[in-house]
N, C-alpha and C. Protein backbone atom coordinates (compact mmCIF):
# COMPACT_ATOMS: atom_id res chain seq x y z
N UNK A 1 0.85 -1.17 0.00
CA UNK A 1 0.00 0.00 0.00
C UNK A 1 0.90 1.23 0.00
N UNK A 2 0.61 2.15 -0.84
CA UNK A 2 1.48 3.31 -0.96
C UNK A 2 1.18 4.38 0.09
N UNK A 3 -0.04 4.45 0.56
CA UNK A 3 -0.35 5.42 1.60
C UNK A 3 -1.31 4.81 2.62
N UNK A 4 -1.34 5.40 3.79
CA UNK A 4 -2.18 4.86 4.86
C UNK A 4 -3.65 4.99 4.51
N UNK A 5 -4.42 4.01 4.92
CA UNK A 5 -5.85 4.01 4.68
C UNK A 5 -6.59 4.44 5.93
N UNK A 6 -7.57 5.35 5.81
CA UNK A 6 -8.33 5.73 6.98
C UNK A 6 -9.21 4.58 7.48
N UNK A 7 -9.52 3.58 6.65
CA UNK A 7 -10.35 2.44 7.03
C UNK A 7 -9.56 1.38 7.75
N UNK A 8 -8.29 1.37 7.63
CA UNK A 8 -7.49 0.26 8.13
C UNK A 8 -7.01 -0.53 6.93
N UNK A 9 -5.73 -0.65 6.82
CA UNK A 9 -5.14 -1.30 5.65
C UNK A 9 -5.68 -2.70 5.44
N UNK A 10 -5.84 -3.46 6.52
CA UNK A 10 -6.32 -4.83 6.35
C UNK A 10 -7.71 -4.87 5.74
N UNK A 11 -8.57 -3.88 6.03
CA UNK A 11 -9.91 -3.85 5.44
C UNK A 11 -9.86 -3.55 3.95
N UNK A 12 -8.90 -2.73 3.54
CA UNK A 12 -8.73 -2.47 2.11
C UNK A 12 -8.32 -3.77 1.42
N UNK A 13 -7.42 -4.52 2.04
CA UNK A 13 -6.98 -5.80 1.47
C UNK A 13 -8.15 -6.80 1.45
N UNK A 14 -8.97 -6.80 2.48
CA UNK A 14 -10.17 -7.65 2.51
C UNK A 14 -11.03 -7.35 1.29
N UNK A 15 -11.27 -6.07 1.02
CA UNK A 15 -12.10 -5.69 -0.13
C UNK A 15 -11.48 -6.14 -1.45
N UNK A 16 -10.17 -5.97 -1.59
CA UNK A 16 -9.48 -6.39 -2.81
C UNK A 16 -9.59 -7.90 -2.99
N UNK A 17 -9.31 -8.65 -1.94
CA UNK A 17 -9.38 -10.11 -2.04
C UNK A 17 -10.81 -10.58 -2.32
N UNK A 18 -11.79 -9.96 -1.66
CA UNK A 18 -13.18 -10.34 -1.89
C UNK A 18 -13.56 -10.11 -3.35
N UNK A 19 -13.15 -8.97 -3.90
CA UNK A 19 -13.44 -8.67 -5.31
C UNK A 19 -12.76 -9.68 -6.23
N UNK A 20 -11.51 -10.01 -5.94
CA UNK A 20 -10.80 -11.00 -6.74
C UNK A 20 -11.49 -12.36 -6.68
N UNK A 21 -11.95 -12.74 -5.50
CA UNK A 21 -12.65 -14.02 -5.34
C UNK A 21 -13.95 -14.01 -6.14
N UNK A 22 -14.70 -12.90 -6.06
CA UNK A 22 -15.95 -12.80 -6.81
C UNK A 22 -15.70 -12.87 -8.32
N UNK A 23 -14.54 -12.40 -8.75
CA UNK A 23 -14.18 -12.46 -10.17
C UNK A 23 -13.59 -13.81 -10.56
N UNK A 24 -13.51 -14.74 -9.61
CA UNK A 24 -13.02 -16.08 -9.90
C UNK A 24 -11.51 -16.20 -10.01
N UNK A 25 -10.79 -15.23 -9.49
CA UNK A 25 -9.34 -15.21 -9.64
C UNK A 25 -8.61 -16.21 -8.74
N UNK A 26 -9.24 -16.73 -7.71
CA UNK A 26 -8.54 -17.59 -6.76
C UNK A 26 -9.20 -18.97 -6.63
N UNK A 27 -9.75 -19.47 -7.71
CA UNK A 27 -10.45 -20.76 -7.66
C UNK A 27 -9.52 -21.89 -7.24
N UNK A 28 -8.24 -21.79 -7.59
CA UNK A 28 -7.30 -22.86 -7.24
C UNK A 28 -6.57 -22.58 -5.93
N UNK A 29 -6.91 -21.53 -5.24
CA UNK A 29 -6.28 -21.20 -3.97
C UNK A 29 -5.64 -19.82 -4.01
N UNK A 30 -5.47 -19.24 -2.83
CA UNK A 30 -4.86 -17.92 -2.73
C UNK A 30 -3.34 -18.02 -2.82
N UNK A 31 -2.71 -16.93 -3.21
CA UNK A 31 -1.23 -16.90 -3.15
C UNK A 31 -0.77 -17.06 -1.71
N UNK A 32 0.50 -17.36 -1.53
CA UNK A 32 1.05 -17.50 -0.18
C UNK A 32 0.97 -16.15 0.56
N UNK A 33 1.10 -16.22 1.87
CA UNK A 33 1.12 -14.98 2.66
C UNK A 33 2.28 -14.10 2.22
N UNK A 34 3.42 -14.72 1.92
CA UNK A 34 4.59 -13.94 1.48
C UNK A 34 4.29 -13.21 0.18
N UNK A 35 3.62 -13.87 -0.74
CA UNK A 35 3.27 -13.22 -2.02
C UNK A 35 2.26 -12.10 -1.78
N UNK A 36 1.28 -12.32 -0.91
CA UNK A 36 0.31 -11.26 -0.61
C UNK A 36 0.99 -10.07 0.06
N UNK A 37 1.99 -10.35 0.91
CA UNK A 37 2.76 -9.27 1.55
C UNK A 37 3.44 -8.43 0.47
N UNK A 38 4.05 -9.09 -0.49
CA UNK A 38 4.73 -8.36 -1.57
C UNK A 38 3.75 -7.56 -2.41
N UNK A 39 2.66 -8.18 -2.80
CA UNK A 39 1.66 -7.50 -3.65
C UNK A 39 1.10 -6.25 -3.01
N UNK A 40 0.86 -6.31 -1.69
CA UNK A 40 0.22 -5.19 -1.00
C UNK A 40 1.19 -4.32 -0.20
N UNK A 41 2.47 -4.71 -0.19
CA UNK A 41 3.51 -3.95 0.53
C UNK A 41 3.14 -3.73 1.99
N UNK A 42 2.76 -4.83 2.66
CA UNK A 42 2.39 -4.75 4.07
C UNK A 42 3.06 -5.89 4.84
N UNK A 43 2.96 -5.82 6.15
CA UNK A 43 3.54 -6.85 7.02
C UNK A 43 2.65 -8.09 7.07
N UNK A 44 3.24 -9.18 7.49
CA UNK A 44 2.51 -10.46 7.58
C UNK A 44 1.28 -10.34 8.49
N UNK A 45 1.40 -9.60 9.60
CA UNK A 45 0.25 -9.46 10.51
C UNK A 45 -0.94 -8.82 9.82
N UNK A 46 -0.69 -7.87 8.94
CA UNK A 46 -1.78 -7.21 8.21
C UNK A 46 -2.46 -8.20 7.28
N UNK A 47 -1.68 -9.01 6.59
CA UNK A 47 -2.23 -10.04 5.69
C UNK A 47 -3.03 -11.05 6.50
N UNK A 48 -2.47 -11.49 7.61
CA UNK A 48 -3.18 -12.49 8.43
C UNK A 48 -4.50 -11.94 8.96
N UNK A 49 -4.48 -10.68 9.34
CA UNK A 49 -5.73 -10.07 9.85
C UNK A 49 -6.78 -10.03 8.75
N UNK A 50 -6.38 -9.70 7.53
CA UNK A 50 -7.31 -9.69 6.40
C UNK A 50 -7.84 -11.09 6.12
N UNK A 51 -6.95 -12.08 6.12
CA UNK A 51 -7.36 -13.46 5.86
C UNK A 51 -8.29 -13.98 6.95
N UNK A 52 -8.00 -13.65 8.20
CA UNK A 52 -8.84 -14.08 9.32
C UNK A 52 -10.23 -13.43 9.24
N UNK A 53 -10.27 -12.18 8.77
CA UNK A 53 -11.56 -11.50 8.61
C UNK A 53 -12.41 -12.23 7.58
N UNK A 54 -11.80 -12.59 6.44
CA UNK A 54 -12.53 -13.31 5.40
C UNK A 54 -12.90 -14.72 5.87
N UNK A 55 -12.07 -15.31 6.71
CA UNK A 55 -12.40 -16.62 7.26
C UNK A 55 -13.62 -16.50 8.18
N UNK A 56 -13.64 -15.48 9.02
CA UNK A 56 -14.77 -15.27 9.94
C UNK A 56 -16.07 -15.03 9.18
N UNK A 57 -15.97 -14.45 8.00
CA UNK A 57 -17.15 -14.20 7.17
C UNK A 57 -17.56 -15.43 6.37
N UNK A 58 -16.75 -16.49 6.42
CA UNK A 58 -17.07 -17.70 5.68
C UNK A 58 -16.65 -17.68 4.23
N UNK A 59 -15.84 -16.69 3.83
CA UNK A 59 -15.39 -16.58 2.45
C UNK A 59 -14.18 -17.47 2.19
N UNK A 60 -13.27 -17.54 3.17
CA UNK A 60 -12.05 -18.33 3.04
C UNK A 60 -12.01 -19.41 4.12
N UNK A 61 -11.22 -20.43 3.84
CA UNK A 61 -10.93 -21.44 4.86
C UNK A 61 -9.46 -21.79 4.77
N UNK A 62 -8.89 -22.12 5.91
CA UNK A 62 -7.49 -22.51 5.97
C UNK A 62 -7.42 -24.02 5.76
N UNK A 63 -6.56 -24.42 4.84
CA UNK A 63 -6.37 -25.84 4.55
C UNK A 63 -4.97 -26.21 5.00
N UNK A 64 -4.85 -26.97 6.08
CA UNK A 64 -3.52 -27.34 6.58
C UNK A 64 -2.65 -27.97 5.49
N UNK A 65 -1.44 -27.45 5.36
CA UNK A 65 -0.50 -27.95 4.36
C UNK A 65 -0.74 -27.42 2.97
N UNK A 66 -1.84 -26.70 2.77
CA UNK A 66 -2.18 -26.17 1.45
C UNK A 66 -2.16 -24.65 1.45
N UNK A 67 -2.66 -24.05 2.52
CA UNK A 67 -2.76 -22.59 2.60
C UNK A 67 -4.21 -22.17 2.66
N UNK A 68 -4.49 -21.00 2.17
CA UNK A 68 -5.84 -20.45 2.19
C UNK A 68 -6.53 -20.74 0.87
N UNK A 69 -7.81 -21.08 0.95
CA UNK A 69 -8.59 -21.31 -0.27
C UNK A 69 -9.99 -20.76 -0.07
N UNK A 70 -10.67 -20.57 -1.18
CA UNK A 70 -12.05 -20.09 -1.14
C UNK A 70 -12.90 -21.16 -0.49
N UNK A 71 -13.74 -20.75 0.44
CA UNK A 71 -14.60 -21.68 1.16
C UNK A 71 -15.47 -22.46 0.20
N UNK A 72 -15.66 -23.71 0.50
CA UNK A 72 -16.49 -24.57 -0.34
C UNK A 72 -17.95 -24.52 0.08
N UNK A 73 -18.28 -23.66 1.03
CA UNK A 73 -19.66 -23.52 1.49
C UNK A 73 -20.57 -23.05 0.36
N UNK A 74 -21.85 -23.27 0.52
CA UNK A 74 -22.80 -22.95 -0.53
C UNK A 74 -23.08 -21.46 -0.70
N UNK A 75 -23.08 -20.69 0.38
CA UNK A 75 -23.45 -19.28 0.30
C UNK A 75 -22.20 -18.42 0.15
N UNK A 76 -22.03 -17.84 -1.02
CA UNK A 76 -20.83 -17.04 -1.31
C UNK A 76 -21.02 -15.55 -0.97
N UNK A 77 -22.19 -15.18 -0.46
CA UNK A 77 -22.39 -13.77 -0.12
C UNK A 77 -21.54 -13.41 1.10
N UNK A 78 -21.18 -12.13 1.19
CA UNK A 78 -20.44 -11.68 2.35
C UNK A 78 -21.34 -11.75 3.58
N UNK A 79 -20.72 -11.71 4.75
CA UNK A 79 -21.50 -11.75 5.99
C UNK A 79 -22.48 -10.59 6.04
N UNK A 80 -22.07 -9.41 5.64
CA UNK A 80 -22.97 -8.25 5.67
C UNK A 80 -24.17 -8.50 4.77
N UNK A 81 -23.94 -9.05 3.58
CA UNK A 81 -25.07 -9.34 2.68
C UNK A 81 -26.03 -10.34 3.31
N UNK A 82 -25.47 -11.36 3.96
CA UNK A 82 -26.33 -12.35 4.62
C UNK A 82 -27.07 -11.74 5.80
N UNK A 83 -26.42 -10.82 6.52
CA UNK A 83 -27.08 -10.17 7.65
C UNK A 83 -28.20 -9.24 7.18
N UNK A 84 -27.99 -8.53 6.09
CA UNK A 84 -29.04 -7.68 5.53
C UNK A 84 -30.22 -8.55 5.08
N UNK A 85 -29.92 -9.71 4.51
CA UNK A 85 -30.97 -10.61 4.02
C UNK A 85 -31.85 -11.14 5.16
N UNK A 86 -31.34 -11.10 6.41
CA UNK A 86 -32.14 -11.55 7.56
C UNK A 86 -33.44 -10.76 7.63
N UNK A 87 -33.39 -9.49 7.29
CA UNK A 87 -34.59 -8.65 7.37
C UNK A 87 -35.70 -9.24 6.49
N UNK A 88 -35.36 -9.59 5.27
CA UNK A 88 -36.34 -10.18 4.36
C UNK A 88 -36.63 -11.64 4.73
N UNK A 89 -35.58 -12.41 5.00
CA UNK A 89 -35.74 -13.84 5.31
C UNK A 89 -36.65 -14.07 6.51
N UNK A 90 -36.55 -13.19 7.51
CA UNK A 90 -37.36 -13.33 8.73
C UNK A 90 -38.62 -12.48 8.69
N UNK A 91 -38.92 -11.90 7.52
CA UNK A 91 -40.11 -11.05 7.33
C UNK A 91 -40.21 -9.94 8.37
N UNK A 92 -39.08 -9.27 8.61
CA UNK A 92 -39.05 -8.18 9.57
C UNK A 92 -39.55 -6.90 8.92
N UNK A 93 -40.24 -6.08 9.70
CA UNK A 93 -40.74 -4.78 9.23
C UNK A 93 -40.03 -3.68 10.00
N UNK A 94 -40.19 -2.46 9.53
CA UNK A 94 -39.61 -1.31 10.22
C UNK A 94 -40.15 -1.29 11.66
N UNK A 95 -39.23 -1.17 12.63
CA UNK A 95 -39.60 -1.15 14.04
C UNK A 95 -39.49 -2.50 14.73
N UNK A 96 -39.39 -3.59 13.94
CA UNK A 96 -39.24 -4.92 14.53
C UNK A 96 -37.85 -5.09 15.11
N UNK A 97 -37.75 -5.96 16.12
CA UNK A 97 -36.46 -6.27 16.73
C UNK A 97 -35.62 -7.08 15.76
N UNK A 98 -34.34 -6.72 15.65
CA UNK A 98 -33.39 -7.47 14.83
C UNK A 98 -32.74 -8.50 15.74
N UNK A 99 -32.38 -9.69 15.24
CA UNK A 99 -31.79 -10.72 16.11
C UNK A 99 -30.56 -10.23 16.88
N UNK A 100 -30.36 -10.82 18.06
CA UNK A 100 -29.24 -10.43 18.92
C UNK A 100 -27.91 -10.89 18.33
N UNK A 101 -26.82 -10.31 18.84
CA UNK A 101 -25.48 -10.71 18.40
C UNK A 101 -25.28 -12.21 18.59
N UNK A 102 -25.70 -12.73 19.74
CA UNK A 102 -25.52 -14.15 20.03
C UNK A 102 -26.26 -15.02 19.01
N UNK A 103 -27.49 -14.66 18.67
CA UNK A 103 -28.25 -15.43 17.69
C UNK A 103 -27.61 -15.35 16.30
N UNK A 104 -27.08 -14.19 15.95
CA UNK A 104 -26.43 -14.04 14.65
C UNK A 104 -25.15 -14.86 14.58
N UNK A 105 -24.38 -14.88 15.67
CA UNK A 105 -23.17 -15.71 15.72
C UNK A 105 -23.52 -17.17 15.48
N UNK A 106 -24.56 -17.62 16.15
CA UNK A 106 -25.00 -19.02 16.02
C UNK A 106 -25.54 -19.29 14.61
N UNK A 107 -26.33 -18.39 14.10
CA UNK A 107 -26.96 -18.56 12.78
C UNK A 107 -25.94 -18.66 11.67
N UNK A 108 -24.89 -17.80 11.74
CA UNK A 108 -23.91 -17.74 10.65
C UNK A 108 -22.61 -18.46 10.97
N UNK A 109 -22.45 -18.92 12.20
CA UNK A 109 -21.24 -19.64 12.57
C UNK A 109 -19.99 -18.78 12.50
N UNK A 110 -20.12 -17.52 12.93
CA UNK A 110 -19.00 -16.58 12.90
C UNK A 110 -18.79 -15.98 14.28
N UNK A 111 -17.68 -15.26 14.42
CA UNK A 111 -17.34 -14.64 15.70
C UNK A 111 -18.21 -13.42 16.00
N UNK A 112 -18.26 -13.07 17.27
CA UNK A 112 -18.99 -11.86 17.67
C UNK A 112 -18.37 -10.61 17.03
N UNK A 113 -17.05 -10.62 16.87
CA UNK A 113 -16.38 -9.48 16.23
C UNK A 113 -16.87 -9.30 14.80
N UNK A 114 -16.98 -10.39 14.06
CA UNK A 114 -17.46 -10.32 12.68
C UNK A 114 -18.90 -9.82 12.65
N UNK A 115 -19.73 -10.31 13.55
CA UNK A 115 -21.13 -9.88 13.62
C UNK A 115 -21.20 -8.39 13.96
N UNK A 116 -20.38 -7.94 14.90
CA UNK A 116 -20.40 -6.52 15.29
C UNK A 116 -19.99 -5.63 14.13
N UNK A 117 -19.03 -6.07 13.32
CA UNK A 117 -18.65 -5.29 12.13
C UNK A 117 -19.83 -5.17 11.18
N UNK A 118 -20.52 -6.29 10.98
CA UNK A 118 -21.69 -6.28 10.10
C UNK A 118 -22.79 -5.38 10.62
N UNK A 119 -23.03 -5.45 11.92
CA UNK A 119 -24.06 -4.59 12.53
C UNK A 119 -23.69 -3.12 12.41
N UNK A 120 -22.42 -2.81 12.62
CA UNK A 120 -21.97 -1.41 12.49
C UNK A 120 -22.19 -0.92 11.06
N UNK A 121 -21.92 -1.78 10.09
CA UNK A 121 -22.15 -1.42 8.69
C UNK A 121 -23.64 -1.15 8.45
N UNK A 122 -24.48 -2.03 8.97
CA UNK A 122 -25.92 -1.87 8.77
C UNK A 122 -26.45 -0.62 9.47
N UNK A 123 -25.90 -0.30 10.63
CA UNK A 123 -26.30 0.93 11.32
C UNK A 123 -25.83 2.15 10.52
N UNK A 124 -24.60 2.05 9.98
CA UNK A 124 -24.04 3.16 9.21
C UNK A 124 -24.79 3.44 7.92
N UNK A 125 -25.41 2.41 7.35
CA UNK A 125 -26.17 2.60 6.11
C UNK A 125 -27.64 2.88 6.39
N UNK A 126 -28.00 2.97 7.67
CA UNK A 126 -29.37 3.36 8.04
C UNK A 126 -30.37 2.23 8.08
N UNK A 127 -29.93 0.99 8.04
CA UNK A 127 -30.88 -0.13 8.09
C UNK A 127 -31.32 -0.47 9.51
N UNK A 128 -30.44 -0.23 10.49
CA UNK A 128 -30.75 -0.58 11.88
C UNK A 128 -30.57 0.62 12.80
N UNK A 129 -31.33 0.61 13.88
CA UNK A 129 -31.17 1.56 14.98
C UNK A 129 -30.83 0.76 16.22
N UNK A 130 -30.05 1.35 17.11
CA UNK A 130 -29.74 0.71 18.38
C UNK A 130 -30.37 1.51 19.49
N UNK A 131 -31.13 0.84 20.34
CA UNK A 131 -31.75 1.47 21.49
C UNK A 131 -31.08 0.89 22.72
N UNK A 132 -30.40 1.75 23.48
CA UNK A 132 -29.65 1.28 24.64
C UNK A 132 -30.55 0.46 25.56
N UNK A 133 -30.11 -0.73 25.88
CA UNK A 133 -30.85 -1.60 26.77
C UNK A 133 -31.93 -2.42 26.11
N UNK A 134 -32.21 -2.15 24.84
CA UNK A 134 -33.29 -2.87 24.16
C UNK A 134 -32.82 -3.60 22.92
N UNK A 135 -31.60 -3.34 22.47
CA UNK A 135 -31.10 -4.02 21.28
C UNK A 135 -31.31 -3.22 20.01
N UNK A 136 -31.28 -3.92 18.90
CA UNK A 136 -31.38 -3.26 17.60
C UNK A 136 -32.74 -3.50 16.98
N UNK A 137 -33.21 -2.48 16.27
CA UNK A 137 -34.48 -2.59 15.55
C UNK A 137 -34.26 -2.21 14.09
N UNK A 138 -35.15 -2.68 13.25
CA UNK A 138 -35.09 -2.37 11.82
C UNK A 138 -35.53 -0.92 11.65
N UNK A 139 -34.67 -0.13 11.02
CA UNK A 139 -34.96 1.29 10.78
C UNK A 139 -35.51 1.49 9.38
N UNK A 140 -34.99 0.71 8.41
CA UNK A 140 -35.43 0.82 7.02
C UNK A 140 -35.29 -0.55 6.37
N UNK A 141 -36.07 -0.77 5.34
CA UNK A 141 -35.97 -2.03 4.61
C UNK A 141 -34.92 -1.89 3.52
N UNK A 142 -34.14 -2.96 3.30
CA UNK A 142 -33.11 -2.89 2.25
C UNK A 142 -33.77 -2.78 0.88
N UNK A 143 -33.10 -2.08 -0.02
CA UNK A 143 -33.62 -2.00 -1.38
C UNK A 143 -33.37 -3.35 -2.03
N UNK A 144 -34.37 -3.87 -2.72
CA UNK A 144 -34.22 -5.17 -3.37
C UNK A 144 -33.67 -4.99 -4.76
N UNK A 145 -32.72 -5.84 -5.10
CA UNK A 145 -32.09 -5.75 -6.41
C UNK A 145 -32.71 -6.73 -7.39
N UNK A 146 -33.40 -7.74 -6.89
CA UNK A 146 -33.96 -8.75 -7.77
C UNK A 146 -35.30 -8.35 -8.35
N UNK A 147 -35.98 -7.39 -7.72
CA UNK A 147 -37.25 -6.92 -8.22
C UNK A 147 -38.39 -7.88 -7.93
N UNK A 148 -38.20 -8.86 -7.07
CA UNK A 148 -39.28 -9.81 -6.77
C UNK A 148 -40.15 -9.36 -5.64
């Protein structure tokens, strides 16, 4: 990276890797950590943090003796996309309670940290409101892209 990122360098790398995966660039596996370090001009810890973030989202999995590869799971959407889909999947309306962090961790099989990042994103885009002591509620319905 040539200059510091206000988002956090590892998050920029997460976005780059996610885009590459969506474009089918890593079907046979990701480059080594050393190669990713060279490509992005960052330290190993930064690469590992990016890889662990994608692992927590279910995008990547670590294969002992092989390295990192694209997860073979069925749902290729990012954790945030899956969390936004909860509103429609659970038939939630504006003002309804959104599932708790614990339920989301269980539902998606990810860490609380990953869930909190997703929730922060949803709050930042205006989909959720947080009421101290009461949890999160649906503030707005996501725009549907499928038109159904």
